[in-house]
C-alpha atoms as a PDB file:
ATOM      1  CA  UNK A   1       0.000   0.000   0.000  1.00  0.00           C
ATOM      2  CA  UNK A   2       2.713   2.486   0.991  1.00  0.00           C
ATOM      3  CA  UNK A   3       4.677   1.499  -2.106  1.00  0.00           C
ATOM      4  CA  UNK A   4       2.014   3.223  -4.225  1.00  0.00           C
ATOM      5  CA  UNK A   5       2.161   6.356  -2.083  1.00  0.00           C
ATOM      6  CA  UNK A   6       5.954   6.611  -2.372  1.00  0.00           C
ATOM      7  CA  UNK A   7       6.789   5.209  -5.821  1.00  0.00           C
ATOM      8  CA  UNK A   8      10.268   6.760  -5.959  1.00  0.00           C
ATOM      9  CA  UNK A   9      11.418   5.460  -2.573  1.00  0.00           C
ATOM     10  CA  UNK A  10      13.494   2.283  -2.323  1.00  0.00           C
ATOM     11  CA  UNK A  11      11.120  -0.352  -0.983  1.00  0.00           C
ATOM     12  CA  UNK A  12      13.509  -1.370   1.765  1.00  0.00           C
ATOM     13  CA  UNK A  13      12.987   1.987   3.460  1.00  0.00           C
ATOM     14  CA  UNK A  14       9.234   1.474   3.359  1.00  0.00           C
ATOM     15  CA  UNK A  15       9.802  -1.833   5.139  1.00  0.00           C
ATOM     16  CA  UNK A  16      11.960  -0.034   7.719  1.00  0.00           C
ATOM     17  CA  UNK A  17       9.357   2.678   8.328  1.00  0.00           C
ATOM     18  CA  UNK A  18       6.508   0.192   8.555  1.00  0.00           C
ATOM     19  CA  UNK A  19       8.403  -2.077  10.958  1.00  0.00           C
ATOM     20  CA  UNK A  20       9.321   0.944  13.093  1.00  0.00           C
ATOM     21  CA  UNK A  21       5.655   1.982  13.289  1.00  0.00           C
ATOM     22  CA  UNK A  22       4.562  -1.515  14.324  1.00  0.00           C
ATOM     23  CA  UNK A  23       7.307  -1.674  16.971  1.00  0.00           C
ATOM     24  CA  UNK A  24       6.260   1.796  18.153  1.00  0.00           C
ATOM     25  CA  UNK A  25       2.664   0.629  18.515  1.00  0.00           C
ATOM     26  CA  UNK A  26       3.675  -2.534  20.373  1.00  0.00           C
ATOM     27  CA  UNK A  27       6.022  -0.615  22.663  1.00  0.00           C
ATOM     28  CA  UNK A  28       3.496   2.106  23.433  1.00  0.00           C
ATOM     29  CA  UNK A  29       0.670  -0.334  24.114  1.00  0.00           C
ATOM     30  CA  UNK A  30       2.356  -3.184  25.987  1.00  0.00           C
ATOM     31  CA  UNK A  31       5.451  -1.755  27.609  1.00  0.00           C
ATOM     32  CA  UNK A  32       5.297   1.982  28.231  1.00  0.00           C
ATOM     33  CA  UNK A  33       1.565   2.646  28.286  1.00  0.00           C
ATOM     34  CA  UNK A  34       0.501  -0.500  30.078  1.00  0.00           C
ATOM     35  CA  UNK A  35       1.540   0.912  33.448  1.00  0.00           C
ATOM     36  CA  UNK A  36      -1.365   3.354  33.336  1.00  0.00           C
ATOM     37  CA  UNK A  37      -3.848   0.582  32.608  1.00  0.00           C
ATOM     38  CA  UNK A  38      -2.134  -1.692  35.141  1.00  0.00           C
ATOM     39  CA  UNK A  39      -2.823   0.796  37.948  1.00  0.00           C
ATOM     40  CA  UNK A  40      -6.477   1.091  36.958  1.00  0.00           C
ATOM     41  CA  UNK A  41      -6.877  -2.701  36.978  1.00  0.00           C
ATOM     42  CA  UNK A  42      -5.386  -2.911  40.481  1.00  0.00           C
ATOM     43  CA  UNK A  43      -7.707  -0.177  41.721  1.00  0.00           C
ATOM     44  CA  UNK A  44     -10.829  -1.795  40.258  1.00  0.00           C
ATOM     45  CA  UNK A  45     -10.240  -5.365  41.408  1.00  0.00           C
ATOM     46  CA  UNK A  46      -8.158  -4.787  44.513  1.00  0.00           C
ATOM     47  CA  UNK A  47      -5.536  -7.310  43.439  1.00  0.00           C
ATOM     48  CA  UNK A  48      -2.147  -7.154  45.104  1.00  0.00           C
ATOM     49  CA  UNK A  49       0.799  -5.724  43.234  1.00  0.00           C
ATOM     50  CA  UNK A  50       2.589  -9.071  43.622  1.00  0.00           C
ATOM     51  CA  UNK A  51      -0.304 -11.005  42.039  1.00  0.00           C
ATOM     52  CA  UNK A  52      -0.612  -8.658  39.092  1.00  0.00           C
ATOM     53  CA  UNK A  53       3.146  -8.381  38.624  1.00  0.00           C
ATOM     54  CA  UNK A  54       3.189 -12.123  37.993  1.00  0.00           C
ATOM     55  CA  UNK A  55       1.310 -11.416  34.755  1.00  0.00           C
ATOM     56  CA  UNK A  56       4.225  -9.337  33.488  1.00  0.00           C
ATOM     57  CA  UNK A  57       6.664 -12.100  34.401  1.00  0.00           C
ATOM     58  CA  UNK A  58       4.488 -14.534  32.459  1.00  0.00           C
ATOM     59  CA  UNK A  59       4.495 -12.151  29.507  1.00  0.00           C
ATOM     60  CA  UNK A  60       8.286 -12.084  29.459  1.00  0.00           C
ATOM     61  CA  UNK A  61       8.634 -15.844  29.847  1.00  0.00           C
ATOM     62  CA  UNK A  62       6.017 -16.711  27.225  1.00  0.00           C
ATOM     63  CA  UNK A  63       7.464 -14.175  24.809  1.00  0.00           C
ATOM     64  CA  UNK A  64      10.906 -15.714  25.238  1.00  0.00           C
ATOM     65  CA  UNK A  65       9.673 -19.277  24.788  1.00  0.00           C
ATOM     66  CA  UNK A  66       7.660 -18.262  21.722  1.00  0.00           C
ATOM     67  CA  UNK A  67      10.632 -16.584  20.017  1.00  0.00           C
ATOM     68  CA  UNK A  68      12.194 -19.676  18.373  1.00  0.00           C
ATOM     69  CA  UNK A  69       8.797 -20.864  17.157  1.00  0.00           C
ATOM     70  CA  UNK A  70       8.126 -17.428  15.694  1.00  0.00           C
ATOM     71  CA  UNK A  71      11.504 -17.575  13.979  1.00  0.00           C
ATOM     72  CA  UNK A  72      10.563 -20.903  12.430  1.00  0.00           C
ATOM     73  CA  UNK A  73       7.259 -19.434  11.247  1.00  0.00           C
ATOM     74  CA  UNK A  74       9.088 -16.521   9.628  1.00  0.00           C
ATOM     75  CA  UNK A  75      11.282 -19.002   7.747  1.00  0.00           C
ATOM     76  CA  UNK A  76       8.252 -20.993   6.644  1.00  0.00           C
ATOM     77  CA  UNK A  77       5.591 -18.339   6.010  1.00  0.00           C
ATOM     78  CA  UNK A  78       7.583 -15.164   5.469  1.00  0.00           C
ATOM     79  CA  UNK A  79       7.865 -11.966   7.480  1.00  0.00           C
ATOM     80  CA  UNK A  80       4.682 -10.365   6.163  1.00  0.00           C
ATOM     81  CA  UNK A  81       2.281 -13.127   7.236  1.00  0.00           C
ATOM     82  CA  UNK A  82       3.877 -13.436  10.656  1.00  0.00           C
ATOM     83  CA  UNK A  83       3.767  -9.664  11.203  1.00  0.00           C
ATOM     84  CA  UNK A  84       0.097  -9.483  10.230  1.00  0.00           C
ATOM     85  CA  UNK A  85      -0.716 -12.492  12.408  1.00  0.00           C
ATOM     86  CA  UNK A  86       1.161 -10.955  15.324  1.00  0.00           C
ATOM     87  CA  UNK A  87      -0.765  -7.698  15.050  1.00  0.00           C
ATOM     88  CA  UNK A  88      -4.085  -9.567  14.898  1.00  0.00           C
ATOM     89  CA  UNK A  89      -3.226 -11.727  17.925  1.00  0.00           C
ATOM     90  CA  UNK A  90      -2.079  -8.627  19.816  1.00  0.00           C
ATOM     91  CA  UNK A  91      -5.330  -6.824  19.022  1.00  0.00           C
ATOM     92  CA  UNK A  92      -7.378  -9.847  20.118  1.00  0.00           C
ATOM     93  CA  UNK A  93      -5.399  -9.947  23.359  1.00  0.00           C
ATOM     94  CA  UNK A  94      -6.043  -6.261  24.019  1.00  0.00           C
ATOM     95  CA  UNK A  95      -9.745  -6.713  23.283  1.00  0.00           C
ATOM     96  CA  UNK A  96      -9.915  -9.696  25.651  1.00  0.00           C
ATOM     97  CA  UNK A  97      -8.109  -7.651  28.295  1.00  0.00           C
ATOM     98  CA  UNK A  98     -10.983  -5.165  28.241  1.00  0.00           C
ATOM     99  CA  UNK A  99     -13.337  -7.937  29.400  1.00  0.00           C
ATOM    100  CA  UNK A 100     -11.312  -9.566  32.200  1.00  0.00           C
ATOM    101  CA  UNK A 101     -13.080 -10.338  35.477  1.00  0.00           C
ATOM    102  CA  UNK A 102     -10.604 -12.517  37.399  1.00  0.00           C
ATOM    103  CA  UNK A 103      -6.866 -12.649  37.971  1.00  0.00           C
ATOM    104  CA  UNK A 104      -6.725 -15.857  35.916  1.00  0.00           C
ATOM    105  CA  UNK A 105      -8.270 -14.024  32.973  1.00  0.00           C
ATOM    106  CA  UNK A 106      -5.538 -11.424  33.396  1.00  0.00           C
ATOM    107  CA  UNK A 107      -2.791 -14.053  33.324  1.00  0.00           C
ATOM    108  CA  UNK A 108      -4.224 -15.843  30.284  1.00  0.00           C
ATOM    109  CA  UNK A 109      -4.699 -12.644  28.301  1.00  0.00           C
ATOM    110  CA  UNK A 110      -1.180 -11.447  29.082  1.00  0.00           C
ATOM    111  CA  UNK A 111       0.151 -14.683  27.607  1.00  0.00           C
ATOM    112  CA  UNK A 112      -1.888 -14.110  24.434  1.00  0.00           C
ATOM    113  CA  UNK A 113      -0.504 -10.581  24.228  1.00  0.00           C
ATOM    114  CA  UNK A 114       3.028 -11.933  24.752  1.00  0.00           C
ATOM    115  CA  UNK A 115       2.707 -14.236  21.749  1.00  0.00           C
ATOM    116  CA  UNK A 116       1.209 -11.522  19.560  1.00  0.00           C
ATOM    117  CA  UNK A 117       3.719  -8.839  20.491  1.00  0.00           C
ATOM    118  CA  UNK A 118       6.621 -11.266  19.987  1.00  0.00           C
ATOM    119  CA  UNK A 119       5.359 -12.113  16.504  1.00  0.00           C
ATOM    120  CA  UNK A 120       4.697  -8.502  15.521  1.00  0.00           C
ATOM    121  CA  UNK A 121       7.713  -7.056  17.303  1.00  0.00           C
ATOM    122  CA  UNK A 122      11.367  -6.640  16.538  1.00  0.00           C
ATOM    123  CA  UNK A 123      12.464 -10.026  15.223  1.00  0.00           C
ATOM    124  CA  UNK A 124      10.149 -10.109  12.206  1.00  0.00           C
ATOM    125  CA  UNK A 125      11.131  -6.585  11.231  1.00  0.00           C
ATOM    126  CA  UNK A 126      14.842  -7.295  11.606  1.00  0.00           C
ATOM    127  CA  UNK A 127      14.595 -10.388   9.424  1.00  0.00           C
ATOM    128  CA  UNK A 128      12.757  -8.477   6.705  1.00  0.00           C
ATOM    129  CA  UNK A 129      15.110  -5.495   6.854  1.00  0.00           C
ATOM    130  CA  UNK A 130      18.198  -7.706   6.684  1.00  0.00           C
ATOM    131  CA  UNK A 131      17.029  -9.032   3.324  1.00  0.00           C
ATOM    132  CA  UNK A 132      16.648  -5.537   1.852  1.00  0.00           C
ATOM    133  CA  UNK A 133      19.990  -4.043   2.906  1.00  0.00           C
ATOM    134  CA  UNK A 134      23.636  -4.985   2.841  1.00  0.00           C
ATOM    135  CA  UNK A 135      25.891  -1.941   3.078  1.00  0.00           C
ATOM    136  CA  UNK A 136      23.416   0.070   5.205  1.00  0.00           C
ATOM    137  CA  UNK A 137      21.886  -2.832   7.114  1.00  0.00           C
ATOM    138  CA  UNK A 138      22.953  -1.716  10.613  1.00  0.00           C
ATOM    139  CA  UNK A 139      21.659   1.810  10.022  1.00  0.00           C
ATOM    140  CA  UNK A 140      18.315   0.523   8.731  1.00  0.00           C
ATOM    141  CA  UNK A 141      17.923  -1.795  11.726  1.00  0.00           C
ATOM    142  CA  UNK A 142      18.729   1.025  14.143  1.00  0.00           C
ATOM    143  CA  UNK A 143      15.959   3.137  12.599  1.00  0.00           C
ATOM    144  CA  UNK A 144      13.496   0.313  13.207  1.00  0.00           C
ATOM    145  CA  UNK A 145      14.523  -0.174  16.843  1.00  0.00           C
ATOM    146  CA  UNK A 146      14.162   3.571  17.364  1.00  0.00           C
ATOM    147  CA  UNK A 147      10.428   3.021  16.959  1.00  0.00           C
ATOM    148  CA  UNK A 148      10.332   1.110  20.235  1.00  0.00           C
ATOM    149  CA  UNK A 149      11.893   4.008  22.121  1.00  0.00           C
ATOM    150  CA  UNK A 150       9.647   6.605  20.523  1.00  0.00           C
ATOM    151  CA  UNK A 151       6.670   4.537  21.684  1.00  0.00           C
ATOM    152  CA  UNK A 152       7.204   5.993  25.137  1.00  0.00           C
ATOM    153  CA  UNK A 153       6.006   9.351  23.826  1.00  0.00           C
ATOM    154  CA  UNK A 154       2.522   7.907  23.329  1.00  0.00           C
ATOM    155  CA  UNK A 155       2.039   7.195  27.034  1.00  0.00           C
ATOM    156  CA  UNK A 156       0.340  10.571  27.432  1.00  0.00           C
ATOM    157  CA  UNK A 157      -2.176   9.686  24.713  1.00  0.00           C
ATOM    158  CA  UNK A 158      -2.946   6.322  26.336  1.00  0.00           C
ATOM    159  CA  UNK A 159      -3.316   7.978  29.739  1.00  0.00           C
ATOM    160  CA  UNK A 160      -5.739  10.483  28.197  1.00  0.00           C
ATOM    161  CA  UNK A 161      -7.813   7.652  26.721  1.00  0.00           C
ATOM    162  CA  UNK A 162      -7.987   5.956  30.118  1.00  0.00           C
ATOM    163  CA  UNK A 163      -8.947   9.204  31.833  1.00  0.00           C
ATOM    164  CA  UNK A 164     -11.719  10.079  29.377  1.00  0.00           C
ATOM    165  CA  UNK A 165     -13.143   6.644  28.545  1.00  0.00           C
ATOM    166  CA  UNK A 166     -12.059   4.337  31.362  1.00  0.00           C
ATOM    167  CA  UNK A 167      -9.503   1.558  31.028  1.00  0.00           C
ATOM    168  CA  UNK A 168     -11.844  -0.968  29.403  1.00  0.00           C
ATOM    169  CA  UNK A 169     -12.965   1.334  26.593  1.00  0.00           C
ATOM    170  CA  UNK A 170      -9.407   2.626  26.216  1.00  0.00           C
ATOM    171  CA  UNK A 171      -8.300  -0.948  25.537  1.00  0.00           C
ATOM    172  CA  UNK A 172     -11.090  -1.417  22.991  1.00  0.00           C
ATOM    173  CA  UNK A 173      -9.926   1.723  21.194  1.00  0.00           C
ATOM    174  CA  UNK A 174      -6.333   0.452  21.194  1.00  0.00           C
ATOM    175  CA  UNK A 175      -7.496  -2.879  19.772  1.00  0.00           C
ATOM    176  CA  UNK A 176      -9.334  -1.082  16.960  1.00  0.00           C
ATOM    177  CA  UNK A 177      -6.252   1.016  16.170  1.00  0.00           C
ATOM    178  CA  UNK A 178      -4.111  -2.113  16.001  1.00  0.00           C
ATOM    179  CA  UNK A 179      -6.503  -3.867  13.641  1.00  0.00           C
ATOM    180  CA  UNK A 180      -6.576  -0.893  11.283  1.00  0.00           C
ATOM    181  CA  UNK A 181      -3.367   1.124  11.507  1.00  0.00           C
ATOM    182  CA  UNK A 182      -1.259  -1.807  12.706  1.00  0.00           C
ATOM    183  CA  UNK A 183      -2.230  -4.091   9.844  1.00  0.00           C
ATOM    184  CA  UNK A 184      -1.850  -1.236   7.342  1.00  0.00           C
ATOM    185  CA  UNK A 185       1.831  -1.071   8.322  1.00  0.00           C
ATOM    186  CA  UNK A 186       2.334  -4.812   8.852  1.00  0.00           C
ATOM    187  CA  UNK A 187       1.408  -5.650   5.253  1.00  0.00           C
ATOM    188  CA  UNK A 188       4.520  -3.736   4.147  1.00  0.00           C
ATOM    189  CA  UNK A 189       6.886  -5.837   6.274  1.00  0.00           C
ATOM    190  CA  UNK A 190       8.070  -8.361   3.740  1.00  0.00           C
ATOM    191  CA  UNK A 191      11.347  -9.907   2.716  1.00  0.00           C
ATOM    192  CA  UNK A 192      13.118  -8.808  -0.465  1.00  0.00           C
ATOM    193  CA  UNK A 193      12.235 -10.818  -3.571  1.00  0.00           C
ATOM    194  CA  UNK A 194      15.214 -12.652  -5.073  1.00  0.00           C
ATOM    195  CA  UNK A 195      15.122 -10.577  -8.253  1.00  0.00           C
ATOM    196  CA  UNK A 196      15.002  -7.220  -6.453  1.00  0.00           C
ATOM    197  CA  UNK A 197      18.383  -5.432  -6.228  1.00  0.00           C
ATOM    198  CA  UNK A 198      19.840  -4.181  -2.948  1.00  0.00           C
ATOM    199  CA  UNK A 199      21.086  -0.584  -2.684  1.00  0.00           C
END
């Protein structure tokens, strides 16, 4: 889609920009901005910090365990399909999070989010970018990873959503953004065709 909007731009840079935007969205939603939602969940249900913190440990562990399987899927299906699937799973996880009622729901949903964010996150973008660049590969990869850091700037927007709509509706809005904007970028994350020259 973006290739038609920027016909004169080397396609590898479109992949870089798209991957950076997906990483930005994942970082803003699940790492930087989740603290705001986390506090609201604690306040509503009265769960202990220790009990809810376990969910974040589960997210890290599940994401780590899923990584080699995601790598195998990238090899088999290609970066684009895995990125799109990761965004969809992430959005489903966020939507399910808006409906949680028990601590076990919270744990289960965080594991779903871990799988989705691992699939849509850095590894798939790095694999795709590596295929498009040779001489400027490190620079291109650094631009993509910058997206994760910039995601912290969106914490204010997420906090505003929570303040105006409540944490459940804020999560539903985030899920809708992921399914639309996230997929619009994810479709551009693809490996370089064999017959396409590198810069």
